[in-house]
């Protein structure tokens, strides 16, 4: 029982932070136009990466071979790759959104499957 609550906490954190990442990425151009430059600091992207890693690791309990674990870790690798290569090609801006949505869906599925 305690393990399920712990996993749900990690899934909630992961889904919420991935959602915030999407909001952040959508808001940055408008905020930069208003002169709010600190919002585009690369440390914010690294913070989202760290939270995603932590939440996925905790949500999967370090198990890498369950189907949902594989889905979450592949989504994480895609997200990190997209963040790191975002300035190299425009396509990575879009894949960053895609992988963030996949992380959210993976966490939501994991919460649903652990609640039964």
N, C-alpha and C. Protein backbone atom coordinates (compact mmCIF):
# COMPACT_ATOMS: atom_id res chain seq x y z
N UNK A 1 0.82 -1.20 0.00
CA UNK A 1 0.00 0.00 0.00
C UNK A 1 0.86 1.26 0.00
N UNK A 2 1.86 1.31 0.82
CA UNK A 2 2.72 2.48 0.87
C UNK A 2 3.44 2.66 -0.46
N UNK A 3 3.87 1.57 -1.06
CA UNK A 3 4.58 1.64 -2.34
C UNK A 3 3.70 2.27 -3.42
N UNK A 4 2.42 1.95 -3.46
CA UNK A 4 1.51 2.52 -4.45
C UNK A 4 1.37 4.02 -4.25
N UNK A 5 1.24 4.47 -3.01
CA UNK A 5 1.16 5.91 -2.74
C UNK A 5 2.44 6.59 -3.19
N UNK A 6 3.57 5.96 -2.94
CA UNK A 6 4.86 6.53 -3.34
C UNK A 6 4.94 6.64 -4.87
N UNK A 7 4.52 5.61 -5.56
CA UNK A 7 4.54 5.62 -7.01
C UNK A 7 3.58 6.68 -7.54
N UNK A 8 2.37 6.77 -6.96
CA UNK A 8 1.43 7.78 -7.41
C UNK A 8 1.99 9.18 -7.22
N UNK A 9 2.70 9.41 -6.12
CA UNK A 9 3.31 10.71 -5.88
C UNK A 9 4.31 11.03 -6.99
N UNK A 10 5.14 10.06 -7.34
CA UNK A 10 6.14 10.28 -8.39
C UNK A 10 5.46 10.49 -9.75
N UNK A 11 4.41 9.73 -10.02
CA UNK A 11 3.68 9.90 -11.28
C UNK A 11 3.02 11.28 -11.36
N UNK A 12 2.44 11.72 -10.26
CA UNK A 12 1.81 13.05 -10.24
C UNK A 12 2.85 14.14 -10.47
N UNK A 13 3.99 14.01 -9.80
CA UNK A 13 5.07 14.98 -10.00
C UNK A 13 5.53 14.98 -11.45
N UNK A 14 5.72 13.82 -12.02
CA UNK A 14 6.20 13.72 -13.40
C UNK A 14 5.21 14.28 -14.40
N UNK A 15 3.94 13.94 -14.25
CA UNK A 15 2.92 14.45 -15.17
C UNK A 15 2.79 15.96 -15.04
N UNK A 16 2.78 16.47 -13.82
CA UNK A 16 2.64 17.91 -13.61
C UNK A 16 3.85 18.68 -14.13
N UNK A 17 5.05 18.17 -13.89
CA UNK A 17 6.24 18.88 -14.36
C UNK A 17 6.34 18.85 -15.89
N UNK A 18 5.93 17.75 -16.52
CA UNK A 18 5.91 17.70 -17.98
C UNK A 18 4.90 18.69 -18.55
N UNK A 19 3.76 18.83 -17.88
CA UNK A 19 2.76 19.82 -18.28
C UNK A 19 3.34 21.23 -18.13
N UNK A 20 4.00 21.49 -17.01
CA UNK A 20 4.63 22.81 -16.81
C UNK A 20 5.70 23.08 -17.86
N UNK A 21 6.41 22.05 -18.26
CA UNK A 21 7.42 22.20 -19.31
C UNK A 21 6.77 22.66 -20.61
N UNK A 22 5.64 22.06 -20.95
CA UNK A 22 4.93 22.46 -22.17
C UNK A 22 4.47 23.91 -22.06
N UNK A 23 3.89 24.27 -20.93
CA UNK A 23 3.44 25.66 -20.71
C UNK A 23 4.63 26.62 -20.81
N UNK A 24 5.73 26.23 -20.19
CA UNK A 24 6.94 27.06 -20.22
C UNK A 24 7.40 27.29 -21.65
N UNK A 25 7.48 26.22 -22.42
CA UNK A 25 7.96 26.33 -23.80
C UNK A 25 7.02 27.17 -24.67
N UNK A 26 5.73 27.07 -24.41
CA UNK A 26 4.78 27.88 -25.17
C UNK A 26 4.81 29.34 -24.75
N UNK A 27 5.11 29.61 -23.48
CA UNK A 27 5.08 30.97 -22.96
C UNK A 27 6.37 31.75 -23.21
N UNK A 28 7.49 31.07 -23.40
CA UNK A 28 8.77 31.76 -23.52
C UNK A 28 8.79 32.83 -24.61
N UNK A 29 8.32 32.56 -25.83
CA UNK A 29 8.38 33.62 -26.84
C UNK A 29 7.62 34.89 -26.43
N UNK A 30 6.46 34.72 -25.85
CA UNK A 30 5.68 35.89 -25.43
C UNK A 30 6.37 36.62 -24.27
N UNK A 31 6.89 35.88 -23.33
CA UNK A 31 7.57 36.49 -22.20
C UNK A 31 8.85 37.20 -22.62
N UNK A 32 9.57 36.62 -23.58
CA UNK A 32 10.77 37.29 -24.10
C UNK A 32 10.40 38.60 -24.80
N UNK A 33 9.29 38.59 -25.52
CA UNK A 33 8.83 39.81 -26.20
C UNK A 33 8.48 40.90 -25.20
N UNK A 34 8.07 40.50 -23.99
CA UNK A 34 7.73 41.47 -22.94
C UNK A 34 8.95 41.86 -22.12
N UNK A 35 10.11 41.32 -22.47
CA UNK A 35 11.34 41.69 -21.77
C UNK A 35 11.67 40.84 -20.57
N UNK A 36 11.00 39.73 -20.41
CA UNK A 36 11.27 38.83 -19.27
C UNK A 36 12.22 37.76 -19.77
N UNK A 37 13.52 38.04 -19.70
CA UNK A 37 14.53 37.17 -20.29
C UNK A 37 14.97 36.00 -19.44
N UNK A 38 14.82 36.10 -18.12
CA UNK A 38 15.32 35.02 -17.27
C UNK A 38 14.59 33.70 -17.52
N UNK A 39 13.39 33.79 -18.07
CA UNK A 39 12.58 32.59 -18.29
C UNK A 39 13.20 31.65 -19.34
N UNK A 40 14.09 32.17 -20.17
CA UNK A 40 14.72 31.33 -21.19
C UNK A 40 16.07 30.77 -20.74
N UNK A 41 16.37 30.88 -19.47
CA UNK A 41 17.62 30.36 -18.91
C UNK A 41 17.69 28.85 -19.12
N UNK A 42 18.81 28.35 -19.65
CA UNK A 42 18.95 26.90 -19.88
C UNK A 42 18.85 26.07 -18.60
N UNK A 43 19.10 26.67 -17.46
CA UNK A 43 18.98 25.92 -16.20
C UNK A 43 17.55 25.44 -15.96
N UNK A 44 16.58 26.18 -16.49
CA UNK A 44 15.19 25.75 -16.35
C UNK A 44 14.97 24.44 -17.11
N UNK A 45 15.54 24.34 -18.31
CA UNK A 45 15.42 23.09 -19.08
C UNK A 45 16.09 21.93 -18.34
N UNK A 46 17.25 22.19 -17.74
CA UNK A 46 17.93 21.14 -16.99
C UNK A 46 17.15 20.74 -15.74
N UNK A 47 16.43 21.69 -15.15
CA UNK A 47 15.58 21.38 -14.01
C UNK A 47 14.45 20.45 -14.44
N UNK A 48 13.82 20.73 -15.58
CA UNK A 48 12.77 19.84 -16.08
C UNK A 48 13.33 18.45 -16.38
N UNK A 49 14.53 18.37 -16.92
CA UNK A 49 15.16 17.07 -17.18
C UNK A 49 15.39 16.31 -15.88
N UNK A 50 15.90 17.01 -14.86
CA UNK A 50 16.17 16.36 -13.57
C UNK A 50 14.88 15.86 -12.93
N UNK A 51 13.84 16.68 -12.97
CA UNK A 51 12.56 16.26 -12.38
C UNK A 51 11.99 15.07 -13.15
N UNK A 52 12.08 15.11 -14.48
CA UNK A 52 11.58 13.99 -15.28
C UNK A 52 12.33 12.71 -14.93
N UNK A 53 13.65 12.78 -14.83
CA UNK A 53 14.44 11.59 -14.49
C UNK A 53 14.03 11.05 -13.12
N UNK A 54 13.99 11.93 -12.13
CA UNK A 54 13.65 11.53 -10.77
C UNK A 54 12.26 10.90 -10.71
N UNK A 55 11.29 11.55 -11.32
CA UNK A 55 9.91 11.05 -11.23
C UNK A 55 9.75 9.72 -11.98
N UNK A 56 10.40 9.58 -13.12
CA UNK A 56 10.30 8.30 -13.86
C UNK A 56 11.01 7.19 -13.10
N UNK A 57 12.18 7.49 -12.54
CA UNK A 57 12.90 6.48 -11.77
C UNK A 57 12.07 6.02 -10.58
N UNK A 58 11.49 6.97 -9.86
CA UNK A 58 10.68 6.62 -8.68
C UNK A 58 9.38 5.92 -9.09
N UNK A 59 8.76 6.37 -10.16
CA UNK A 59 7.49 5.77 -10.59
C UNK A 59 7.67 4.35 -11.07
N UNK A 60 8.83 4.05 -11.64
CA UNK A 60 9.08 2.70 -12.14
C UNK A 60 9.84 1.85 -11.13
N UNK A 61 10.16 2.41 -9.99
CA UNK A 61 10.93 1.72 -8.95
C UNK A 61 12.23 1.14 -9.49
N UNK A 62 12.81 1.80 -10.46
CA UNK A 62 14.06 1.34 -11.03
C UNK A 62 13.91 0.11 -11.91
N UNK A 63 12.68 -0.35 -12.15
CA UNK A 63 12.46 -1.51 -13.03
C UNK A 63 12.39 -1.00 -14.46
N UNK A 64 13.24 -1.52 -15.31
CA UNK A 64 13.36 -0.99 -16.66
C UNK A 64 12.70 -1.87 -17.71
N UNK A 65 12.20 -3.04 -17.34
CA UNK A 65 11.76 -3.98 -18.36
C UNK A 65 10.25 -4.22 -18.38
N UNK A 66 9.49 -3.49 -17.57
CA UNK A 66 8.03 -3.53 -17.69
C UNK A 66 7.66 -2.66 -18.89
N UNK A 67 6.59 -2.99 -19.59
CA UNK A 67 6.22 -2.17 -20.77
C UNK A 67 6.05 -0.68 -20.47
N UNK A 68 5.41 -0.33 -19.34
CA UNK A 68 5.23 1.09 -19.04
C UNK A 68 6.57 1.75 -18.69
N UNK A 69 7.45 0.99 -18.07
CA UNK A 69 8.78 1.53 -17.77
C UNK A 69 9.55 1.82 -19.05
N UNK A 70 9.48 0.90 -19.99
CA UNK A 70 10.16 1.10 -21.28
C UNK A 70 9.58 2.33 -21.98
N UNK A 71 8.25 2.45 -21.97
CA UNK A 71 7.59 3.61 -22.60
C UNK A 71 8.07 4.92 -21.96
N UNK A 72 8.09 4.96 -20.62
CA UNK A 72 8.51 6.19 -19.93
C UNK A 72 9.98 6.51 -20.19
N UNK A 73 10.85 5.50 -20.15
CA UNK A 73 12.28 5.76 -20.36
C UNK A 73 12.57 6.16 -21.80
N UNK A 74 11.90 5.55 -22.77
CA UNK A 74 12.08 5.96 -24.17
C UNK A 74 11.59 7.39 -24.36
N UNK A 75 10.47 7.73 -23.74
CA UNK A 75 9.97 9.11 -23.81
C UNK A 75 10.95 10.08 -23.17
N UNK A 76 11.54 9.67 -22.06
CA UNK A 76 12.53 10.52 -21.39
C UNK A 76 13.75 10.75 -22.27
N UNK A 77 14.28 9.69 -22.87
CA UNK A 77 15.45 9.83 -23.75
C UNK A 77 15.11 10.74 -24.93
N UNK A 78 13.93 10.58 -25.50
CA UNK A 78 13.51 11.45 -26.59
C UNK A 78 13.39 12.89 -26.14
N UNK A 79 12.85 13.11 -24.94
CA UNK A 79 12.72 14.46 -24.39
C UNK A 79 14.08 15.10 -24.18
N UNK A 80 14.99 14.38 -23.55
CA UNK A 80 16.33 14.92 -23.29
C UNK A 80 17.05 15.23 -24.61
N UNK A 81 16.97 14.32 -25.55
CA UNK A 81 17.59 14.54 -26.86
C UNK A 81 17.02 15.80 -27.51
N UNK A 82 15.71 15.95 -27.45
CA UNK A 82 15.06 17.12 -28.05
C UNK A 82 15.49 18.42 -27.37
N UNK A 83 15.58 18.40 -26.04
CA UNK A 83 16.00 19.60 -25.31
C UNK A 83 17.43 19.96 -25.67
N UNK A 84 18.30 18.97 -25.70
CA UNK A 84 19.71 19.25 -25.97
C UNK A 84 19.96 19.69 -27.41
N UNK A 85 19.13 19.24 -28.35
CA UNK A 85 19.32 19.58 -29.76
C UNK A 85 18.35 20.65 -30.26
N UNK A 86 17.62 21.26 -29.35
CA UNK A 86 16.59 22.23 -29.71
C UNK A 86 17.13 23.36 -30.59
N UNK A 87 18.34 23.81 -30.33
CA UNK A 87 18.92 24.92 -31.10
C UNK A 87 19.50 24.46 -32.44
N UNK A 88 19.59 23.16 -32.67
CA UNK A 88 20.20 22.64 -33.89
C UNK A 88 19.23 22.58 -35.06
N UNK A 89 17.96 22.30 -34.77
CA UNK A 89 16.96 22.20 -35.84
C UNK A 89 15.58 22.43 -35.23
N UNK A 90 14.72 23.04 -36.01
CA UNK A 90 13.38 23.38 -35.54
C UNK A 90 12.56 22.15 -35.15
N UNK A 91 12.82 21.03 -35.80
CA UNK A 91 12.05 19.81 -35.53
C UNK A 91 12.14 19.40 -34.06
N UNK A 92 13.25 19.69 -33.40
CA UNK A 92 13.42 19.30 -32.00
C UNK A 92 12.53 20.10 -31.07
N UNK A 93 12.12 21.29 -31.48
CA UNK A 93 11.16 22.05 -30.69
C UNK A 93 9.82 21.30 -30.65
N UNK A 94 9.44 20.71 -31.76
CA UNK A 94 8.18 19.97 -31.84
C UNK A 94 8.28 18.61 -31.16
N UNK A 95 9.41 17.93 -31.32
CA UNK A 95 9.55 16.63 -30.68
C UNK A 95 9.62 16.78 -29.16
N UNK A 96 10.10 17.93 -28.69
CA UNK A 96 10.12 18.18 -27.26
C UNK A 96 8.68 18.18 -26.71
N UNK A 97 7.75 18.82 -27.44
CA UNK A 97 6.35 18.80 -27.04
C UNK A 97 5.80 17.38 -27.09
N UNK A 98 6.09 16.68 -28.15
CA UNK A 98 5.61 15.31 -28.32
C UNK A 98 6.05 14.43 -27.15
N UNK A 99 7.34 14.46 -26.83
CA UNK A 99 7.84 13.60 -25.76
C UNK A 99 7.33 14.04 -24.39
N UNK A 100 7.10 15.34 -24.20
CA UNK A 100 6.49 15.79 -22.95
C UNK A 100 5.09 15.22 -22.80
N UNK A 101 4.31 15.25 -23.88
CA UNK A 101 2.96 14.67 -23.85
C UNK A 101 3.04 13.17 -23.59
N UNK A 102 4.00 12.49 -24.20
CA UNK A 102 4.15 11.05 -23.97
C UNK A 102 4.52 10.75 -22.52
N UNK A 103 5.34 11.60 -21.92
CA UNK A 103 5.68 11.42 -20.50
C UNK A 103 4.43 11.58 -19.65
N UNK A 104 3.62 12.60 -19.96
CA UNK A 104 2.38 12.80 -19.21
C UNK A 104 1.49 11.57 -19.34
N UNK A 105 1.29 11.10 -20.57
CA UNK A 105 0.44 9.93 -20.79
C UNK A 105 0.98 8.69 -20.08
N UNK A 106 2.30 8.51 -20.11
CA UNK A 106 2.90 7.37 -19.43
C UNK A 106 2.67 7.41 -17.93
N UNK A 107 2.83 8.59 -17.33
CA UNK A 107 2.59 8.72 -15.89
C UNK A 107 1.11 8.49 -15.56
N UNK A 108 0.22 9.04 -16.38
CA UNK A 108 -1.21 8.84 -16.13
C UNK A 108 -1.58 7.36 -16.24
N UNK A 109 -1.05 6.68 -17.24
CA UNK A 109 -1.31 5.25 -17.39
C UNK A 109 -0.75 4.48 -16.19
N UNK A 110 0.44 4.85 -15.76
CA UNK A 110 1.06 4.16 -14.63
C UNK A 110 0.23 4.37 -13.36
N UNK A 111 -0.29 5.58 -13.16
CA UNK A 111 -1.15 5.83 -11.99
C UNK A 111 -2.41 4.97 -12.07
N UNK A 112 -2.99 4.91 -13.26
CA UNK A 112 -4.23 4.13 -13.44
C UNK A 112 -3.98 2.64 -13.21
N UNK A 113 -2.89 2.13 -13.75
CA UNK A 113 -2.61 0.70 -13.61
C UNK A 113 -2.22 0.32 -12.18
N UNK A 114 -1.63 1.25 -11.43
CA UNK A 114 -1.24 0.96 -10.05
C UNK A 114 -2.40 1.12 -9.07
N UNK A 115 -3.48 1.77 -9.51
CA UNK A 115 -4.60 1.97 -8.59
C UNK A 115 -5.54 0.77 -8.56
N UNK A 116 -5.34 -0.20 -9.43
CA UNK A 116 -6.20 -1.38 -9.46
C UNK A 116 -5.60 -2.50 -8.66
